[in-house]
């Protein structure tokens, strides 16, 4: 008798690829950290492509629209992919699923939106560190959100971690940077 992991015809290949961010989640030791690094990269790429980096850290309305649209698409695709992948692997929140870290990391940089925080290398590094810290600590209600059904539970705890990191990043930028 074949299990899901042995039956390649039943494997939701695209969902698994998306959920693992095309294999990033299979990197050894700290797959969530690698997923967050991909989120930083996507944020930087969007900032560069829209001219936000060239504007001396000031965020344009064009960047705001693109950033929000990409974040919503990643979040919704993540819910779908995480649901199928966790069902296939028979694990509520498989460590190889890192699309949630990508989405949460992008939320952590929400302080850049509307010019609330400066977009510079210090903010990027601090936003990464803050997100990973809140993702590991899972302050209320993040840990509770893990119990939501399917991909919602996989994704929601990282959305909360991203929101906490965004607030902390904004406060740090406002008062320290």
N, C-alpha and C. Protein backbone atom coordinates (compact mmCIF):
# COMPACT_ATOMS: atom_id res chain seq x y z
N UNK A 1 0.84 -1.19 0.00
CA UNK A 1 0.00 0.00 0.00
C UNK A 1 0.88 1.25 0.00
N UNK A 2 0.60 2.16 -0.91
CA UNK A 2 1.38 3.38 -1.02
C UNK A 2 0.80 4.47 -0.11
N UNK A 3 1.69 5.25 0.48
CA UNK A 3 1.26 6.41 1.27
C UNK A 3 1.26 7.63 0.36
N UNK A 4 0.79 8.76 0.87
CA UNK A 4 0.78 9.99 0.07
C UNK A 4 2.17 10.37 -0.40
N UNK A 5 3.18 10.15 0.45
CA UNK A 5 4.52 10.55 0.06
C UNK A 5 5.10 9.64 -1.01
N UNK A 6 4.54 8.46 -1.20
CA UNK A 6 5.02 7.55 -2.23
C UNK A 6 4.20 7.66 -3.51
N UNK A 7 3.01 8.17 -3.47
CA UNK A 7 2.12 8.23 -4.62
C UNK A 7 2.33 9.58 -5.32
N UNK A 8 3.23 9.61 -6.30
CA UNK A 8 3.57 10.87 -6.95
C UNK A 8 2.43 11.42 -7.78
N UNK A 9 1.49 10.58 -8.24
CA UNK A 9 0.39 11.09 -9.05
C UNK A 9 -0.59 11.92 -8.22
N UNK A 10 -0.63 11.69 -6.90
CA UNK A 10 -1.54 12.44 -6.04
C UNK A 10 -0.88 13.67 -5.44
N UNK A 11 0.41 13.83 -5.68
CA UNK A 11 1.14 14.95 -5.08
C UNK A 11 0.73 16.27 -5.73
N UNK A 12 0.29 17.23 -4.92
CA UNK A 12 -0.05 18.55 -5.47
C UNK A 12 1.23 19.34 -5.75
N UNK A 13 1.87 19.03 -6.84
CA UNK A 13 3.22 19.53 -7.14
C UNK A 13 3.34 21.05 -7.08
N UNK A 14 2.45 21.76 -7.73
CA UNK A 14 2.57 23.22 -7.74
C UNK A 14 2.34 23.79 -6.34
N UNK A 15 1.36 23.25 -5.62
CA UNK A 15 1.10 23.73 -4.26
C UNK A 15 2.30 23.50 -3.35
N UNK A 16 2.92 22.31 -3.47
CA UNK A 16 4.10 22.01 -2.65
C UNK A 16 5.25 22.94 -3.03
N UNK A 17 5.44 23.16 -4.32
CA UNK A 17 6.51 24.07 -4.77
C UNK A 17 6.28 25.47 -4.23
N UNK A 18 5.06 25.95 -4.30
CA UNK A 18 4.75 27.29 -3.80
C UNK A 18 4.88 27.35 -2.27
N UNK A 19 4.35 26.36 -1.58
CA UNK A 19 4.40 26.35 -0.11
C UNK A 19 5.83 26.30 0.41
N UNK A 20 6.70 25.58 -0.30
CA UNK A 20 8.10 25.48 0.12
C UNK A 20 8.96 26.57 -0.53
N UNK A 21 8.31 27.51 -1.20
CA UNK A 21 8.96 28.59 -1.94
C UNK A 21 10.05 27.99 -2.83
N UNK A 22 9.59 27.05 -3.65
CA UNK A 22 10.40 26.41 -4.67
C UNK A 22 11.66 25.76 -4.09
N UNK A 23 11.45 25.07 -2.96
CA UNK A 23 12.51 24.29 -2.34
C UNK A 23 13.25 24.98 -1.21
N UNK A 24 13.02 26.26 -1.02
CA UNK A 24 13.70 27.00 0.06
C UNK A 24 13.43 26.36 1.41
N UNK A 25 12.22 25.89 1.62
CA UNK A 25 11.85 25.28 2.89
C UNK A 25 12.51 23.95 3.15
N UNK A 26 13.19 23.43 2.15
CA UNK A 26 13.90 22.15 2.34
C UNK A 26 15.37 22.36 2.67
N UNK A 27 15.81 23.61 2.78
CA UNK A 27 17.19 23.88 3.18
C UNK A 27 17.37 23.46 4.64
N UNK A 28 18.55 23.01 5.01
CA UNK A 28 18.75 22.44 6.36
C UNK A 28 18.74 23.48 7.47
N UNK A 29 18.49 23.00 8.66
CA UNK A 29 18.59 23.71 9.94
C UNK A 29 17.46 24.71 10.21
N UNK A 30 17.41 25.82 9.50
CA UNK A 30 16.45 26.88 9.82
C UNK A 30 15.65 27.30 8.58
N UNK A 31 14.75 26.43 8.11
CA UNK A 31 14.03 26.77 6.88
C UNK A 31 13.18 28.04 7.00
N UNK A 32 12.63 28.31 8.18
CA UNK A 32 11.84 29.53 8.36
C UNK A 32 12.66 30.79 8.17
N UNK A 33 13.90 30.75 8.61
CA UNK A 33 14.78 31.90 8.42
C UNK A 33 15.07 32.11 6.94
N UNK A 34 15.29 31.02 6.21
CA UNK A 34 15.51 31.14 4.78
C UNK A 34 14.27 31.70 4.08
N UNK A 35 13.08 31.29 4.53
CA UNK A 35 11.84 31.82 3.98
C UNK A 35 11.72 33.32 4.23
N UNK A 36 12.10 33.75 5.43
CA UNK A 36 12.05 35.19 5.76
C UNK A 36 13.05 35.97 4.90
N UNK A 37 14.21 35.37 4.62
CA UNK A 37 15.19 36.03 3.75
C UNK A 37 14.60 36.23 2.35
N UNK A 38 13.85 35.25 1.87
CA UNK A 38 13.17 35.40 0.57
C UNK A 38 12.19 36.59 0.64
N UNK A 39 11.48 36.72 1.77
CA UNK A 39 10.57 37.86 1.96
C UNK A 39 11.30 39.19 1.90
N UNK A 40 12.46 39.26 2.53
CA UNK A 40 13.28 40.48 2.47
C UNK A 40 13.67 40.76 1.02
N UNK A 41 14.08 39.70 0.31
CA UNK A 41 14.46 39.87 -1.09
C UNK A 41 13.32 40.36 -1.96
N UNK A 42 12.13 39.81 -1.75
CA UNK A 42 10.97 40.25 -2.53
C UNK A 42 10.65 41.72 -2.21
N UNK A 43 10.70 42.08 -0.94
CA UNK A 43 10.46 43.47 -0.56
C UNK A 43 11.46 44.42 -1.20
N UNK A 44 12.75 44.03 -1.19
CA UNK A 44 13.79 44.86 -1.81
C UNK A 44 13.60 44.95 -3.32
N UNK A 45 13.27 43.83 -3.93
CA UNK A 45 13.05 43.81 -5.37
C UNK A 45 11.89 44.73 -5.76
N UNK A 46 10.80 44.67 -4.99
CA UNK A 46 9.66 45.55 -5.29
C UNK A 46 10.05 47.02 -5.09
N UNK A 47 10.81 47.31 -4.02
CA UNK A 47 11.22 48.69 -3.76
C UNK A 47 12.13 49.20 -4.88
N UNK A 48 13.05 48.35 -5.32
CA UNK A 48 13.94 48.74 -6.40
C UNK A 48 13.16 48.93 -7.71
N UNK A 49 12.27 47.99 -8.03
CA UNK A 49 11.53 48.03 -9.29
C UNK A 49 10.59 49.23 -9.38
N UNK A 50 10.10 49.70 -8.26
CA UNK A 50 9.17 50.83 -8.28
C UNK A 50 9.87 52.15 -8.00
N UNK A 51 11.17 52.13 -7.80
CA UNK A 51 11.90 53.36 -7.55
C UNK A 51 11.89 53.82 -6.11
N UNK A 52 11.36 53.02 -5.20
CA UNK A 52 11.30 53.43 -3.80
C UNK A 52 12.69 53.54 -3.18
N UNK A 53 13.60 52.68 -3.57
CA UNK A 53 14.96 52.75 -3.03
C UNK A 53 15.69 53.97 -3.56
N UNK A 54 15.45 54.33 -4.81
CA UNK A 54 16.12 55.48 -5.41
C UNK A 54 15.62 56.80 -4.83
N UNK A 55 14.47 56.78 -4.19
CA UNK A 55 13.87 58.01 -3.66
C UNK A 55 14.38 58.34 -2.26
N UNK A 56 15.52 57.80 -1.87
CA UNK A 56 16.09 58.12 -0.58
C UNK A 56 15.26 57.62 0.58
N UNK A 57 14.59 56.49 0.41
CA UNK A 57 13.82 55.91 1.49
C UNK A 57 12.36 56.35 1.52
N UNK A 58 12.00 57.32 0.68
CA UNK A 58 10.61 57.76 0.64
C UNK A 58 9.82 56.80 -0.24
N UNK A 59 8.64 56.46 0.21
CA UNK A 59 7.84 55.47 -0.49
C UNK A 59 6.78 56.16 -1.34
N UNK A 60 6.72 55.77 -2.61
CA UNK A 60 5.76 56.38 -3.53
C UNK A 60 4.42 55.66 -3.45
N UNK A 61 3.34 56.35 -3.87
CA UNK A 61 2.04 55.68 -3.94
C UNK A 61 2.06 54.47 -4.87
N UNK A 62 2.88 54.52 -5.91
CA UNK A 62 3.01 53.38 -6.83
C UNK A 62 3.54 52.16 -6.07
N UNK A 63 4.56 52.37 -5.25
CA UNK A 63 5.12 51.28 -4.45
C UNK A 63 4.06 50.74 -3.49
N UNK A 64 3.32 51.62 -2.87
CA UNK A 64 2.28 51.21 -1.93
C UNK A 64 1.28 50.26 -2.59
N UNK A 65 0.79 50.62 -3.77
CA UNK A 65 -0.19 49.79 -4.47
C UNK A 65 0.38 48.43 -4.86
N UNK A 66 1.58 48.44 -5.41
CA UNK A 66 2.21 47.18 -5.82
C UNK A 66 2.50 46.31 -4.61
N UNK A 67 3.01 46.92 -3.55
CA UNK A 67 3.37 46.19 -2.34
C UNK A 67 2.15 45.50 -1.73
N UNK A 68 1.06 46.24 -1.62
CA UNK A 68 -0.16 45.67 -1.05
C UNK A 68 -0.71 44.55 -1.93
N UNK A 69 -0.72 44.76 -3.25
CA UNK A 69 -1.24 43.74 -4.16
C UNK A 69 -0.40 42.46 -4.09
N UNK A 70 0.90 42.59 -4.12
CA UNK A 70 1.78 41.41 -4.05
C UNK A 70 1.59 40.70 -2.72
N UNK A 71 1.49 41.45 -1.64
CA UNK A 71 1.32 40.84 -0.32
C UNK A 71 0.00 40.08 -0.22
N UNK A 72 -1.07 40.62 -0.74
CA UNK A 72 -2.36 39.93 -0.71
C UNK A 72 -2.31 38.66 -1.56
N UNK A 73 -1.70 38.74 -2.73
CA UNK A 73 -1.59 37.56 -3.60
C UNK A 73 -0.78 36.47 -2.91
N UNK A 74 0.36 36.84 -2.31
CA UNK A 74 1.19 35.85 -1.61
C UNK A 74 0.43 35.26 -0.43
N UNK A 75 -0.28 36.09 0.31
CA UNK A 75 -1.04 35.60 1.47
C UNK A 75 -2.12 34.60 1.05
N UNK A 76 -2.90 34.94 0.05
CA UNK A 76 -3.98 34.04 -0.39
C UNK A 76 -3.44 32.78 -1.06
N UNK A 77 -2.42 32.93 -1.88
CA UNK A 77 -1.79 31.76 -2.50
C UNK A 77 -1.17 30.89 -1.42
N UNK A 78 -0.63 31.51 -0.38
CA UNK A 78 -0.04 30.77 0.72
C UNK A 78 -1.06 29.94 1.48
N UNK A 79 -2.24 30.50 1.71
CA UNK A 79 -3.29 29.75 2.39
C UNK A 79 -3.65 28.52 1.58
N UNK A 80 -3.83 28.71 0.28
CA UNK A 80 -4.17 27.59 -0.61
C UNK A 80 -3.07 26.54 -0.63
N UNK A 81 -1.83 26.97 -0.88
CA UNK A 81 -0.71 26.04 -1.00
C UNK A 81 -0.40 25.34 0.32
N UNK A 82 -0.46 26.08 1.42
CA UNK A 82 -0.19 25.48 2.74
C UNK A 82 -1.26 24.45 3.09
N UNK A 83 -2.50 24.72 2.74
CA UNK A 83 -3.58 23.76 3.00
C UNK A 83 -3.33 22.44 2.28
N UNK A 84 -3.08 22.52 0.98
CA UNK A 84 -2.86 21.30 0.19
C UNK A 84 -1.60 20.57 0.63
N UNK A 85 -0.55 21.31 0.90
CA UNK A 85 0.71 20.69 1.29
C UNK A 85 0.62 20.05 2.66
N UNK A 86 0.02 20.73 3.61
CA UNK A 86 -0.10 20.13 4.95
C UNK A 86 -1.01 18.90 4.92
N UNK A 87 -2.05 18.92 4.11
CA UNK A 87 -2.89 17.72 3.95
C UNK A 87 -2.10 16.58 3.32
N UNK A 88 -1.35 16.90 2.28
CA UNK A 88 -0.57 15.88 1.58
C UNK A 88 0.49 15.26 2.49
N UNK A 89 1.17 16.11 3.27
CA UNK A 89 2.23 15.62 4.16
C UNK A 89 1.70 15.10 5.50
N UNK A 90 0.39 15.29 5.71
CA UNK A 90 -0.25 14.85 6.95
C UNK A 90 0.44 15.46 8.18
N UNK A 91 0.66 16.75 8.10
CA UNK A 91 1.31 17.50 9.18
C UNK A 91 0.64 18.87 9.23
N UNK A 92 0.19 19.29 10.41
CA UNK A 92 -0.56 20.55 10.52
C UNK A 92 0.23 21.76 10.01
N UNK A 93 1.52 21.84 10.36
CA UNK A 93 2.36 22.95 9.93
C UNK A 93 3.76 22.41 9.62
N UNK A 94 3.93 21.83 8.43
CA UNK A 94 5.22 21.24 8.09
C UNK A 94 6.34 22.27 8.10
N UNK A 95 7.49 21.93 8.65
CA UNK A 95 8.62 22.88 8.68
C UNK A 95 9.06 23.32 7.29
N UNK A 96 8.84 22.48 6.28
CA UNK A 96 9.25 22.84 4.92
C UNK A 96 8.36 23.90 4.29
N UNK A 97 7.18 24.13 4.85
CA UNK A 97 6.29 25.17 4.34
C UNK A 97 6.78 26.52 4.89
N UNK A 98 7.29 27.36 3.99
CA UNK A 98 7.85 28.65 4.41
C UNK A 98 7.20 29.84 3.71
N UNK A 99 6.15 29.60 2.93
CA UNK A 99 5.43 30.71 2.31
C UNK A 99 4.85 31.63 3.38
N UNK A 100 4.56 31.07 4.56
CA UNK A 100 4.05 31.88 5.66
C UNK A 100 5.09 32.87 6.16
N UNK A 101 6.37 32.47 6.17
CA UNK A 101 7.43 33.40 6.57
C UNK A 101 7.61 34.50 5.54
N UNK A 102 7.49 34.17 4.27
CA UNK A 102 7.59 35.19 3.22
C UNK A 102 6.50 36.23 3.43
N UNK A 103 5.27 35.78 3.62
CA UNK A 103 4.14 36.69 3.80
C UNK A 103 4.28 37.51 5.08
N UNK A 104 4.66 36.86 6.17
CA UNK A 104 4.83 37.58 7.43
C UNK A 104 5.94 38.60 7.36
N UNK A 105 7.04 38.25 6.69
CA UNK A 105 8.15 39.20 6.55
C UNK A 105 7.73 40.42 5.76
N UNK A 106 6.93 40.22 4.72
CA UNK A 106 6.44 41.37 3.95
C UNK A 106 5.54 42.26 4.81
N UNK A 107 4.75 41.66 5.67
CA UNK A 107 3.91 42.45 6.58
C UNK A 107 4.79 43.23 7.55
N UNK A 108 5.89 42.64 7.98
CA UNK A 108 6.80 43.33 8.91
C UNK A 108 7.31 44.64 8.32
N UNK A 109 7.42 44.70 7.01
CA UNK A 109 7.89 45.92 6.36
C UNK A 109 6.76 46.89 6.03
N UNK A 110 5.57 46.65 6.54
CA UNK A 110 4.44 47.53 6.26
C UNK A 110 4.66 48.93 6.80
N UNK A 111 5.55 49.09 7.76
CA UNK A 111 5.87 50.42 8.29
C UNK A 111 6.44 51.35 7.24
N UNK A 112 6.97 50.77 6.15
CA UNK A 112 7.48 51.60 5.07
C UNK A 112 6.35 52.27 4.30
N UNK A 113 5.17 51.66 4.36
CA UNK A 113 4.06 52.14 3.54
C UNK A 113 3.63 53.52 3.99
N UNK A 114 3.40 54.36 3.04
CA UNK A 114 2.97 55.71 3.35
C UNK A 114 4.05 56.53 4.04
N UNK A 115 5.31 56.08 3.97
CA UNK A 115 6.40 56.84 4.57
C UNK A 115 6.46 56.76 6.08
N UNK A 116 5.82 55.75 6.68
CA UNK A 116 5.83 55.65 8.14
C UNK A 116 7.20 55.31 8.69
N UNK A 117 8.01 54.64 7.91
CA UNK A 117 9.38 54.31 8.31
C UNK A 117 10.28 54.47 7.10
N UNK A 118 11.53 54.75 7.34
CA UNK A 118 12.49 54.91 6.25
C UNK A 118 12.89 53.57 5.67
N UNK A 119 13.01 53.51 4.38
CA UNK A 119 13.42 52.29 3.70
C UNK A 119 14.92 52.37 3.47
N UNK A 120 15.68 51.73 4.37
CA UNK A 120 17.14 51.72 4.27
C UNK A 120 17.65 50.39 4.81
N UNK A 121 18.93 50.15 4.68
CA UNK A 121 19.48 48.85 5.06
C UNK A 121 19.29 48.57 6.54
N UNK A 122 19.36 49.60 7.40
CA UNK A 122 19.17 49.37 8.83
C UNK A 122 17.74 48.90 9.13
N UNK A 123 16.78 49.51 8.46
CA UNK A 123 15.39 49.10 8.66
C UNK A 123 15.13 47.70 8.13
N UNK A 124 15.76 47.36 7.01
CA UNK A 124 15.60 46.01 6.46
C UNK A 124 16.16 44.95 7.40
N UNK A 125 17.36 45.19 7.92
CA UNK A 125 17.97 44.23 8.84
C UNK A 125 17.16 44.15 10.13
N UNK A 126 16.79 45.29 10.68
CA UNK A 126 16.02 45.30 11.92
C UNK A 126 14.64 44.65 11.71
N UNK A 127 14.00 44.92 10.59
CA UNK A 127 12.70 44.30 10.31
C UNK A 127 12.80 42.79 10.22
N UNK A 128 13.89 42.31 9.63
CA UNK A 128 14.12 40.87 9.55
C UNK A 128 14.30 40.27 10.95
N UNK A 129 15.14 40.89 11.76
CA UNK A 129 15.40 40.40 13.12
C UNK A 129 14.13 40.44 13.97
N UNK A 130 13.40 41.53 13.88
CA UNK A 130 12.15 41.64 14.66
C UNK A 130 11.14 40.58 14.24
N UNK A 131 10.98 40.40 12.94
CA UNK A 131 10.02 39.40 12.48
C UNK A 131 10.40 38.01 12.97
N UNK A 132 11.66 37.63 12.80
CA UNK A 132 12.07 36.29 13.24
C UNK A 132 11.89 36.13 14.75
N UNK A 133 12.18 37.18 15.51
CA UNK A 133 11.98 37.11 16.95
C UNK A 133 10.53 36.89 17.32
N UNK A 134 9.64 37.67 16.74
CA UNK A 134 8.21 37.51 17.03
C UNK A 134 7.68 36.19 16.48
N UNK A 135 8.23 35.72 15.37
CA UNK A 135 7.80 34.44 14.81
C UNK A 135 8.16 33.29 15.75
N UNK A 136 9.31 33.36 16.36
CA UNK A 136 9.73 32.32 17.30
C UNK A 136 8.96 32.42 18.62
N UNK A 137 8.82 33.65 19.15
CA UNK A 137 8.14 33.84 20.44
C UNK A 137 6.64 33.62 20.36
N UNK A 138 6.04 33.97 19.24
CA UNK A 138 4.59 33.83 19.01
C UNK A 138 3.75 34.44 20.15
N UNK A 139 3.86 35.76 20.35
CA UNK A 139 3.04 36.39 21.39
C UNK A 139 1.56 36.34 21.02
N UNK A 140 0.71 36.45 22.03
CA UNK A 140 -0.73 36.40 21.84
C UNK A 140 -1.15 37.42 20.80
N UNK A 141 -2.01 37.07 19.90
CA UNK A 141 -2.72 35.82 19.66
C UNK A 141 -2.08 34.93 18.60
N UNK A 142 -0.80 35.11 18.32
CA UNK A 142 -0.15 34.34 17.25
C UNK A 142 -0.22 32.83 17.49
N UNK A 143 0.15 32.39 18.67
CA UNK A 143 0.13 30.95 18.95
C UNK A 143 -1.29 30.39 18.82
N UNK A 144 -2.25 31.18 19.24
CA UNK A 144 -3.64 30.73 19.13
C UNK A 144 -4.10 30.62 17.68
N UNK A 145 -3.58 31.49 16.84
CA UNK A 145 -3.95 31.49 15.42
C UNK A 145 -3.50 30.21 14.72
N UNK A 146 -2.52 29.52 15.26
CA UNK A 146 -2.06 28.27 14.66
C UNK A 146 -3.17 27.22 14.62
N UNK A 147 -4.17 27.38 15.45
CA UNK A 147 -5.23 26.38 15.52
C UNK A 147 -6.36 26.63 14.52
N UNK A 148 -6.23 27.68 13.72
CA UNK A 148 -7.21 27.88 12.64
C UNK A 148 -7.09 26.71 11.67
N UNK A 149 -8.15 26.41 10.94
CA UNK A 149 -8.11 25.24 10.05
C UNK A 149 -7.20 25.44 8.83
N UNK A 150 -6.56 24.34 8.42
CA UNK A 150 -5.79 24.30 7.18
C UNK A 150 -4.72 25.36 7.06
N UNK A 151 -4.62 25.90 5.86
CA UNK A 151 -3.61 26.91 5.56
C UNK A 151 -3.77 28.19 6.34
N UNK A 152 -4.99 28.47 6.81
CA UNK A 152 -5.20 29.68 7.62
C UNK A 152 -4.37 29.63 8.89
N UNK A 153 -4.32 28.47 9.52
CA UNK A 153 -3.52 28.32 10.74
C UNK A 153 -2.03 28.39 10.48
N UNK A 154 -1.61 27.85 9.33
CA UNK A 154 -0.19 27.90 8.96
C UNK A 154 0.23 29.35 8.74
N UNK A 155 -0.61 30.12 8.08
CA UNK A 155 -0.25 31.48 7.69
C UNK A 155 -0.49 32.52 8.79
N UNK A 156 -1.57 32.39 9.54
CA UNK A 156 -2.02 33.47 10.43
C UNK A 156 -1.03 33.79 11.54
N UNK A 157 -0.36 32.79 12.11
CA UNK A 157 0.59 33.11 13.19
C UNK A 157 1.72 33.98 12.67
N UNK A 158 2.12 33.80 11.42
CA UNK A 158 3.18 34.63 10.85
C UNK A 158 2.67 36.02 10.48
N UNK A 159 1.39 36.13 10.16
CA UNK A 159 0.82 37.45 9.93
C UNK A 159 0.84 38.27 11.21
N UNK A 160 0.52 37.63 12.34
CA UNK A 160 0.59 38.34 13.62
C UNK A 160 2.03 38.72 13.95
N UNK A 161 2.97 37.80 13.74
CA UNK A 161 4.38 38.10 13.99
C UNK A 161 4.82 39.27 13.11
N UNK A 162 4.37 39.28 11.86
CA UNK A 162 4.70 40.39 10.96
C UNK A 162 4.10 41.70 11.43
N UNK A 163 2.88 41.66 11.94
CA UNK A 163 2.23 42.88 12.43
C UNK A 163 2.97 43.42 13.66
N UNK A 164 3.33 42.53 14.58
CA UNK A 164 4.10 42.97 15.75
C UNK A 164 5.44 43.57 15.33
N UNK A 165 6.11 42.93 14.37
CA UNK A 165 7.39 43.43 13.89
C UNK A 165 7.23 44.78 13.20
N UNK A 166 6.15 44.96 12.44
CA UNK A 166 5.90 46.24 11.77
C UNK A 166 5.73 47.36 12.78
N UNK A 167 4.99 47.10 13.85
CA UNK A 167 4.79 48.11 14.90
C UNK A 167 6.11 48.42 15.58
N UNK A 168 6.87 47.37 15.93
CA UNK A 168 8.17 47.58 16.60
C UNK A 168 9.14 48.31 15.68
N UNK A 169 9.13 47.98 14.40
CA UNK A 169 10.00 48.66 13.43
C UNK A 169 9.62 50.13 13.32
N UNK A 170 8.34 50.39 13.24
CA UNK A 170 7.90 51.78 13.16
C UNK A 170 8.31 52.55 14.42
N UNK A 171 8.07 51.98 15.59
CA UNK A 171 8.44 52.65 16.85
C UNK A 171 9.95 52.89 16.92
N UNK A 172 10.73 51.90 16.51
CA UNK A 172 12.17 52.06 16.52
C UNK A 172 12.59 53.15 15.56
N UNK A 173 12.02 53.15 14.39
CA UNK A 173 12.37 54.18 13.40
C UNK A 173 11.96 55.56 13.90
N UNK A 174 10.80 55.64 14.50
CA UNK A 174 10.27 56.93 14.98
C UNK A 174 11.12 57.51 16.09
N UNK A 175 11.59 56.65 16.99
CA UNK A 175 12.26 57.16 18.20
C UNK A 175 13.75 56.91 18.24
N UNK A 176 14.29 56.01 17.42
CA UNK A 176 15.71 55.69 17.53
C UNK A 176 16.51 55.87 16.25
N UNK A 177 15.93 55.54 15.12
CA UNK A 177 16.72 55.59 13.86
C UNK A 177 16.61 56.94 13.18
